[in-house]
């Protein structure tokens, strides 16, 4: 599937220690069963630091948890 990012945003929540992300994608085709497919997807996710650099406190390892929602048109069923 060929997917293009249309736009996105993030909000850093210092109190919770994470970042909320929203990214909008456009499906513009693909190969195999996605040949000629189209549609839109929205990803809503949360980045959370798991491990930080002890000397700088910068995140070294992050988790990403979230979900995609949207519609894919024209994809063949297998």
PDB file of N, CA and C in Angstrom:
ATOM      1  N   UNK A   1       0.851  -1.161   0.000  1.00  0.00           N
ATOM      2  CA  UNK A   1       0.000   0.000   0.000  1.00  0.00           C
ATOM      3  C   UNK A   1       0.900   1.229   0.000  1.00  0.00           C
ATOM      4  N   UNK A   2       0.532   2.218  -0.775  1.00  0.00           N
ATOM      5  CA  UNK A   2       1.260   3.482  -0.811  1.00  0.00           C
ATOM      6  C   UNK A   2       0.483   4.479   0.039  1.00  0.00           C
ATOM      7  N   UNK A   3       1.152   5.017   1.049  1.00  0.00           N
ATOM      8  CA  UNK A   3       0.508   5.917   2.002  1.00  0.00           C
ATOM      9  C   UNK A   3       1.337   7.188   2.098  1.00  0.00           C
ATOM     10  N   UNK A   4       0.671   8.323   2.047  1.00  0.00           N
ATOM     11  CA  UNK A   4       1.327   9.628   2.129  1.00  0.00           C
ATOM     12  C   UNK A   4       0.823  10.352   3.373  1.00  0.00           C
ATOM     13  N   UNK A   5       1.737  10.963   4.110  1.00  0.00           N
ATOM     14  CA  UNK A   5       1.331  11.765   5.275  1.00  0.00           C
ATOM     15  C   UNK A   5       0.755  13.079   4.770  1.00  0.00           C
ATOM     16  N   UNK A   6      -0.465  13.391   5.198  1.00  0.00           N
ATOM     17  CA  UNK A   6      -1.103  14.653   4.826  1.00  0.00           C
ATOM     18  C   UNK A   6      -0.753  15.748   5.829  1.00  0.00           C
ATOM     19  N   UNK A   7      -0.869  15.432   7.104  1.00  0.00           N
ATOM     20  CA  UNK A   7      -0.539  16.392   8.160  1.00  0.00           C
ATOM     21  C   UNK A   7      -0.474  15.659   9.489  1.00  0.00           C
ATOM     22  N   UNK A   8       0.083  16.325  10.467  1.00  0.00           N
ATOM     23  CA  UNK A   8       0.170  15.718  11.782  1.00  0.00           C
ATOM     24  C   UNK A   8       0.457  16.761  12.837  1.00  0.00           C
ATOM     25  N   UNK A   9       0.226  16.362  14.082  1.00  0.00           N
ATOM     26  CA  UNK A   9       0.499  17.267  15.193  1.00  0.00           C
ATOM     27  C   UNK A   9       0.834  16.444  16.430  1.00  0.00           C
ATOM     28  N   UNK A  10       1.535  17.078  17.332  1.00  0.00           N
ATOM     29  CA  UNK A  10       1.886  16.435  18.590  1.00  0.00           C
ATOM     30  C   UNK A  10       1.741  17.419  19.730  1.00  0.00           C
ATOM     31  N   UNK A  11       1.398  16.902  20.881  1.00  0.00           N
ATOM     32  CA  UNK A  11       1.244  17.733  22.068  1.00  0.00           C
ATOM     33  C   UNK A  11       2.016  17.077  23.210  1.00  0.00           C
ATOM     34  N   UNK A  12       3.041  17.768  23.695  1.00  0.00           N
ATOM     35  CA  UNK A  12       3.838  17.247  24.799  1.00  0.00           C
ATOM     36  C   UNK A  12       3.122  17.550  26.113  1.00  0.00           C
ATOM     37  N   UNK A  13       2.870  16.511  26.894  1.00  0.00           N
ATOM     38  CA  UNK A  13       2.225  16.643  28.202  1.00  0.00           C
ATOM     39  C   UNK A  13       3.297  16.441  29.263  1.00  0.00           C
ATOM     40  N   UNK A  14       3.850  17.526  29.779  1.00  0.00           N
ATOM     41  CA  UNK A  14       4.936  17.435  30.754  1.00  0.00           C
ATOM     42  C   UNK A  14       4.495  16.763  32.050  1.00  0.00           C
ATOM     43  N   UNK A  15       3.263  17.008  32.468  1.00  0.00           N
ATOM     44  CA  UNK A  15       2.774  16.402  33.709  1.00  0.00           C
ATOM     45  C   UNK A  15       2.666  14.883  33.579  1.00  0.00           C
ATOM     46  N   UNK A  16       2.181  14.411  32.429  1.00  0.00           N
ATOM     47  CA  UNK A  16       2.034  12.965  32.207  1.00  0.00           C
ATOM     48  C   UNK A  16       3.334  12.330  31.728  1.00  0.00           C
ATOM     49  N   UNK A  17       4.251  13.148  31.203  1.00  0.00           N
ATOM     50  CA  UNK A  17       5.518  12.628  30.723  1.00  0.00           C
ATOM     51  C   UNK A  17       5.421  11.893  29.406  1.00  0.00           C
ATOM     52  N   UNK A  18       4.481  12.320  28.537  1.00  0.00           N
ATOM     53  CA  UNK A  18       4.349  11.667  27.237  1.00  0.00           C
ATOM     54  C   UNK A  18       3.971  12.688  26.170  1.00  0.00           C
ATOM     55  N   UNK A  19       3.848  12.219  24.940  1.00  0.00           N
ATOM     56  CA  UNK A  19       3.452  13.066  23.813  1.00  0.00           C
ATOM     57  C   UNK A  19       2.291  12.411  23.093  1.00  0.00           C
ATOM     58  N   UNK A  20       1.225  13.164  22.893  1.00  0.00           N
ATOM     59  CA  UNK A  20       0.053  12.694  22.150  1.00  0.00           C
ATOM     60  C   UNK A  20       0.228  13.098  20.686  1.00  0.00           C
ATOM     61  N   UNK A  21       0.081  12.139  19.771  1.00  0.00           N
ATOM     62  CA  UNK A  21       0.247  12.398  18.342  1.00  0.00           C
ATOM     63  C   UNK A  21      -1.043  12.125  17.584  1.00  0.00           C
ATOM     64  N   UNK A  22      -1.292  12.920  16.559  1.00  0.00           N
ATOM     65  CA  UNK A  22      -2.352  12.659  15.597  1.00  0.00           C
ATOM     66  C   UNK A  22      -1.748  12.878  14.217  1.00  0.00           C
ATOM     67  N   UNK A  23      -1.835  11.853  13.365  1.00  0.00           N
ATOM     68  CA  UNK A  23      -1.284  11.940  12.011  1.00  0.00           C
ATOM     69  C   UNK A  23      -2.357  11.483  11.025  1.00  0.00           C
ATOM     70  N   UNK A  24      -2.567  12.293   9.965  1.00  0.00           N
ATOM     71  CA  UNK A  24      -3.529  11.972   8.916  1.00  0.00           C
ATOM     72  C   UNK A  24      -2.768  11.467   7.691  1.00  0.00           C
ATOM     73  N   UNK A  25      -3.213  10.321   7.145  1.00  0.00           N
ATOM     74  CA  UNK A  25      -2.569   9.691   5.996  1.00  0.00           C
ATOM     75  C   UNK A  25      -3.553   9.597   4.841  1.00  0.00           C
ATOM     76  N   UNK A  26      -3.021   9.651   3.611  1.00  0.00           N
ATOM     77  CA  UNK A  26      -3.812   9.427   2.412  1.00  0.00           C
ATOM     78  C   UNK A  26      -3.278   8.173   1.714  1.00  0.00           C
ATOM     79  N   UNK A  27      -4.166   7.240   1.390  1.00  0.00           N
ATOM     80  CA  UNK A  27      -3.803   6.032   0.653  1.00  0.00           C
ATOM     81  C   UNK A  27      -3.931   6.347  -0.833  1.00  0.00           C
ATOM     82  N   UNK A  28      -2.853   6.087  -1.587  1.00  0.00           N
ATOM     83  CA  UNK A  28      -2.833   6.467  -3.007  1.00  0.00           C
ATOM     84  C   UNK A  28      -2.514   5.283  -3.916  1.00  0.00           C
ATOM     85  N   UNK A  29      -2.832   4.069  -3.520  1.00  0.00           N
ATOM     86  CA  UNK A  29      -2.608   2.904  -4.372  1.00  0.00           C
ATOM     87  C   UNK A  29      -1.733   1.873  -3.689  1.00  0.00           C
ATOM     88  N   UNK A  30      -1.129   1.027  -4.509  1.00  0.00           N
ATOM     89  CA  UNK A  30      -0.273  -0.010  -3.979  1.00  0.00           C
ATOM     90  C   UNK A  30      -0.095  -1.127  -4.985  1.00  0.00           C
ATOM     91  N   UNK A  31       0.365  -2.258  -4.500  1.00  0.00           N
ATOM     92  CA  UNK A  31       0.558  -3.427  -5.347  1.00  0.00           C
ATOM     93  C   UNK A  31      -0.276  -4.576  -4.799  1.00  0.00           C
ATOM     94  N   UNK A  32      -0.408  -5.622  -5.611  1.00  0.00           N
ATOM     95  CA  UNK A  32      -1.190  -6.780  -5.171  1.00  0.00           C
ATOM     96  C   UNK A  32      -2.620  -6.392  -4.900  1.00  0.00           C
ATOM     97  N   UNK A  33      -3.132  -6.821  -3.762  1.00  0.00           N
ATOM     98  CA  UNK A  33      -4.544  -6.538  -3.448  1.00  0.00           C
ATOM     99  C   UNK A  33      -4.829  -5.056  -3.221  1.00  0.00           C
ATOM    100  N   UNK A  34      -3.773  -4.237  -3.060  1.00  0.00           N
ATOM    101  CA  UNK A  34      -3.957  -2.797  -2.855  1.00  0.00           C
ATOM    102  C   UNK A  34      -3.781  -1.989  -4.145  1.00  0.00           C
ATOM    103  N   UNK A  35      -3.639  -2.666  -5.283  1.00  0.00           N
ATOM    104  CA  UNK A  35      -3.544  -1.986  -6.570  1.00  0.00           C
ATOM    105  C   UNK A  35      -4.821  -1.183  -6.805  1.00  0.00           C
ATOM    106  N   UNK A  36      -4.701   0.122  -6.982  1.00  0.00           N
ATOM    107  CA  UNK A  36      -5.860   0.981  -7.201  1.00  0.00           C
ATOM    108  C   UNK A  36      -6.585   1.392  -5.932  1.00  0.00           C
ATOM    109  N   UNK A  37      -6.064   1.046  -4.773  1.00  0.00           N
ATOM    110  CA  UNK A  37      -6.730   1.401  -3.514  1.00  0.00           C
ATOM    111  C   UNK A  37      -6.621   2.900  -3.243  1.00  0.00           C
ATOM    112  N   UNK A  38      -7.570   3.411  -2.479  1.00  0.00           N
ATOM    113  CA  UNK A  38      -7.555   4.808  -2.058  1.00  0.00           C
ATOM    114  C   UNK A  38      -8.217   4.886  -0.683  1.00  0.00           C
ATOM    115  N   UNK A  39      -8.057   6.015  -0.036  1.00  0.00           N
ATOM    116  CA  UNK A  39      -8.712   6.208   1.246  1.00  0.00           C
ATOM    117  C   UNK A  39      -7.912   7.100   2.166  1.00  0.00           C
ATOM    118  N   UNK A  40      -8.367   7.178   3.396  1.00  0.00           N
ATOM    119  CA  UNK A  40      -7.738   8.009   4.418  1.00  0.00           C
ATOM    120  C   UNK A  40      -7.634   7.226   5.718  1.00  0.00           C
ATOM    121  N   UNK A  41      -6.550   7.469   6.444  1.00  0.00           N
ATOM    122  CA  UNK A  41      -6.349   6.871   7.762  1.00  0.00           C
ATOM    123  C   UNK A  41      -5.975   7.959   8.750  1.00  0.00           C
ATOM    124  N   UNK A  42      -6.375   7.780   9.988  1.00  0.00           N
ATOM    125  CA  UNK A  42      -5.957   8.657  11.078  1.00  0.00           C
ATOM    126  C   UNK A  42      -5.296   7.798  12.140  1.00  0.00           C
ATOM    127  N   UNK A  43      -4.083   8.187  12.530  1.00  0.00           N
ATOM    128  CA  UNK A  43      -3.397   7.502  13.622  1.00  0.00           C
ATOM    129  C   UNK A  43      -3.413   8.415  14.845  1.00  0.00           C
ATOM    130  N   UNK A  44      -3.887   7.882  15.956  1.00  0.00           N
ATOM    131  CA  UNK A  44      -3.809   8.574  17.243  1.00  0.00           C
ATOM    132  C   UNK A  44      -2.962   7.702  18.146  1.00  0.00           C
ATOM    133  N   UNK A  45      -1.891   8.274  18.690  1.00  0.00           N
ATOM    134  CA  UNK A  45      -0.948   7.466  19.453  1.00  0.00           C
ATOM    135  C   UNK A  45      -0.304   8.287  20.559  1.00  0.00           C
ATOM    136  N   UNK A  46       0.345   7.568  21.471  1.00  0.00           N
ATOM    137  CA  UNK A  46       1.058   8.179  22.580  1.00  0.00           C
ATOM    138  C   UNK A  46       2.494   7.659  22.602  1.00  0.00           C
ATOM    139  N   UNK A  47       3.458   8.580  22.556  1.00  0.00           N
ATOM    140  CA  UNK A  47       4.864   8.256  22.769  1.00  0.00           C
ATOM    141  C   UNK A  47       5.157   8.413  24.252  1.00  0.00           C
ATOM    142  N   UNK A  48       5.761   7.401  24.859  1.00  0.00           N
ATOM    143  CA  UNK A  48       6.122   7.461  26.273  1.00  0.00           C
ATOM    144  C   UNK A  48       7.575   7.046  26.443  1.00  0.00           C
ATOM    145  N   UNK A  49       8.406   7.873  27.087  1.00  0.00           N
ATOM    146  CA  UNK A  49       9.792   7.480  27.338  1.00  0.00           C
ATOM    147  C   UNK A  49       9.858   6.312  28.319  1.00  0.00           C
ATOM    148  N   UNK A  50      10.709   5.328  28.002  1.00  0.00           N
ATOM    149  CA  UNK A  50      10.897   4.169  28.869  1.00  0.00           C
ATOM    150  C   UNK A  50      12.260   4.239  29.556  1.00  0.00           C
ATOM    151  N   UNK A  51      13.251   4.714  28.824  1.00  0.00           N
ATOM    152  CA  UNK A  51      14.604   4.795  29.348  1.00  0.00           C
ATOM    153  C   UNK A  51      15.207   6.116  28.917  1.00  0.00           C
ATOM    154  N   UNK A  52      15.856   6.811  29.850  1.00  0.00           N
ATOM    155  CA  UNK A  52      16.462   8.108  29.564  1.00  0.00           C
ATOM    156  C   UNK A  52      17.968   8.050  29.767  1.00  0.00           C
ATOM    157  N   UNK A  53      18.675   8.911  29.050  1.00  0.00           N
ATOM    158  CA  UNK A  53      20.110   9.057  29.229  1.00  0.00           C
ATOM    159  C   UNK A  53      20.349   9.661  30.613  1.00  0.00           C
ATOM    160  N   UNK A  54      21.098   8.982  31.480  1.00  0.00           N
ATOM    161  CA  UNK A  54      21.284   9.484  32.842  1.00  0.00           C
ATOM    162  C   UNK A  54      21.968  10.844  32.912  1.00  0.00           C
ATOM    163  N   UNK A  55      22.828  11.155  31.949  1.00  0.00           N
ATOM    164  CA  UNK A  55      23.559  12.421  32.030  1.00  0.00           C
ATOM    165  C   UNK A  55      22.790  13.600  31.441  1.00  0.00           C
ATOM    166  N   UNK A  56      21.905  13.360  30.475  1.00  0.00           N
ATOM    167  CA  UNK A  56      21.184  14.463  29.829  1.00  0.00           C
ATOM    168  C   UNK A  56      19.675  14.413  30.056  1.00  0.00           C
ATOM    169  N   UNK A  57      19.170  13.300  30.565  1.00  0.00           N
ATOM    170  CA  UNK A  57      17.743  13.059  30.768  1.00  0.00           C
ATOM    171  C   UNK A  57      16.960  12.996  29.453  1.00  0.00           C
ATOM    172  N   UNK A  58      17.670  12.933  28.319  1.00  0.00           N
ATOM    173  CA  UNK A  58      17.003  12.814  27.022  1.00  0.00           C
ATOM    174  C   UNK A  58      16.486  11.390  26.839  1.00  0.00           C
ATOM    175  N   UNK A  59      15.301  11.219  26.243  1.00  0.00           N
ATOM    176  CA  UNK A  59      14.778   9.876  26.010  1.00  0.00           C
ATOM    177  C   UNK A  59      15.679   9.082  25.063  1.00  0.00           C
ATOM    178  N   UNK A  60      15.981   7.846  25.439  1.00  0.00           N
ATOM    179  CA  UNK A  60      16.754   6.945  24.588  1.00  0.00           C
ATOM    180  C   UNK A  60      15.882   5.844  24.004  1.00  0.00           C
ATOM    181  N   UNK A  61      14.842   5.462  24.728  1.00  0.00           N
ATOM    182  CA  UNK A  61      13.937   4.406  24.284  1.00  0.00           C
ATOM    183  C   UNK A  61      12.511   4.869  24.533  1.00  0.00           C
ATOM    184  N   UNK A  62      11.677   4.795  23.487  1.00  0.00           N
ATOM    185  CA  UNK A  62      10.287   5.238  23.580  1.00  0.00           C
ATOM    186  C   UNK A  62       9.356   4.093  23.218  1.00  0.00           C
ATOM    187  N   UNK A  63       8.171   4.089  23.802  1.00  0.00           N
ATOM    188  CA  UNK A  63       7.121   3.181  23.346  1.00  0.00           C
ATOM    189  C   UNK A  63       6.103   4.013  22.570  1.00  0.00           C
ATOM    190  N   UNK A  64       5.434   3.363  21.632  1.00  0.00           N
ATOM    191  CA  UNK A  64       4.373   3.994  20.859  1.00  0.00           C
ATOM    192  C   UNK A  64       3.160   3.086  20.928  1.00  0.00           C
ATOM    193  N   UNK A  65       2.075   3.592  21.475  1.00  0.00           N
ATOM    194  CA  UNK A  65       0.831   2.825  21.568  1.00  0.00           C
ATOM    195  C   UNK A  65      -0.282   3.675  20.981  1.00  0.00           C
ATOM    196  N   UNK A  66      -1.101   3.060  20.135  1.00  0.00           N
ATOM    197  CA  UNK A  66      -2.183   3.820  19.537  1.00  0.00           C
ATOM    198  C   UNK A  66      -3.017   2.977  18.607  1.00  0.00           C
ATOM    199  N   UNK A  67      -3.756   3.668  17.741  1.00  0.00           N
ATOM    200  CA  UNK A  67      -4.631   2.959  16.817  1.00  0.00           C
ATOM    201  C   UNK A  67      -4.804   3.751  15.530  1.00  0.00           C
ATOM    202  N   UNK A  68      -5.135   3.010  14.462  1.00  0.00           N
ATOM    203  CA  UNK A  68      -5.469   3.593  13.171  1.00  0.00           C
ATOM    204  C   UNK A  68      -6.972   3.455  12.973  1.00  0.00           C
ATOM    205  N   UNK A  69      -7.544   4.470  12.351  1.00  0.00           N
ATOM    206  CA  UNK A  69      -8.960   4.417  11.991  1.00  0.00           C
ATOM    207  C   UNK A  69      -9.108   5.033  10.614  1.00  0.00           C
ATOM    208  N   UNK A  70      -9.931   4.446   9.783  1.00  0.00           N
ATOM    209  CA  UNK A  70     -10.143   5.017   8.458  1.00  0.00           C
ATOM    210  C   UNK A  70     -10.801   4.042   7.517  1.00  0.00           C
ATOM    211  N   UNK A  71     -10.737   4.381   6.233  1.00  0.00           N
ATOM    212  CA  UNK A  71     -11.384   3.597   5.195  1.00  0.00           C
ATOM    213  C   UNK A  71     -10.413   3.357   4.050  1.00  0.00           C
ATOM    214  N   UNK A  72     -10.343   2.116   3.599  1.00  0.00           N
ATOM    215  CA  UNK A  72      -9.561   1.747   2.419  1.00  0.00           C
ATOM    216  C   UNK A  72     -10.568   1.301   1.359  1.00  0.00           C
ATOM    217  N   UNK A  73     -10.595   2.019   0.250  1.00  0.00           N
ATOM    218  CA  UNK A  73     -11.509   1.706  -0.845  1.00  0.00           C
ATOM    219  C   UNK A  73     -10.737   1.026  -1.977  1.00  0.00           C
ATOM    220  N   UNK A  74     -11.369   0.098  -2.671  1.00  0.00           N
ATOM    221  CA  UNK A  74     -10.784  -0.508  -3.851  1.00  0.00           C
ATOM    222  C   UNK A  74      -9.783  -1.618  -3.607  1.00  0.00           C
ATOM    223  N   UNK A  75      -9.599  -2.058  -2.367  1.00  0.00           N
ATOM    224  CA  UNK A  75      -8.685  -3.156  -2.077  1.00  0.00           C
ATOM    225  C   UNK A  75      -9.421  -4.482  -2.313  1.00  0.00           C
ATOM    226  N   UNK A  76      -8.728  -5.405  -2.977  1.00  0.00           N
ATOM    227  CA  UNK A  76      -9.329  -6.709  -3.245  1.00  0.00           C
ATOM    228  C   UNK A  76      -9.369  -7.537  -1.975  1.00  0.00           C
ATOM    229  N   UNK A  77     -10.418  -8.324  -1.792  1.00  0.00           N
ATOM    230  CA  UNK A  77     -10.511  -9.244  -0.660  1.00  0.00           C
ATOM    231  C   UNK A  77      -9.779 -10.522  -1.002  1.00  0.00           C
ATOM    232  N   UNK A  78      -9.048 -11.062  -0.049  1.00  0.00           N
ATOM    233  CA  UNK A  78      -8.340 -12.334  -0.275  1.00  0.00           C
ATOM    234  C   UNK A  78      -9.037 -13.455   0.431  1.00  0.00           C
TER     235      UNK A  78
END
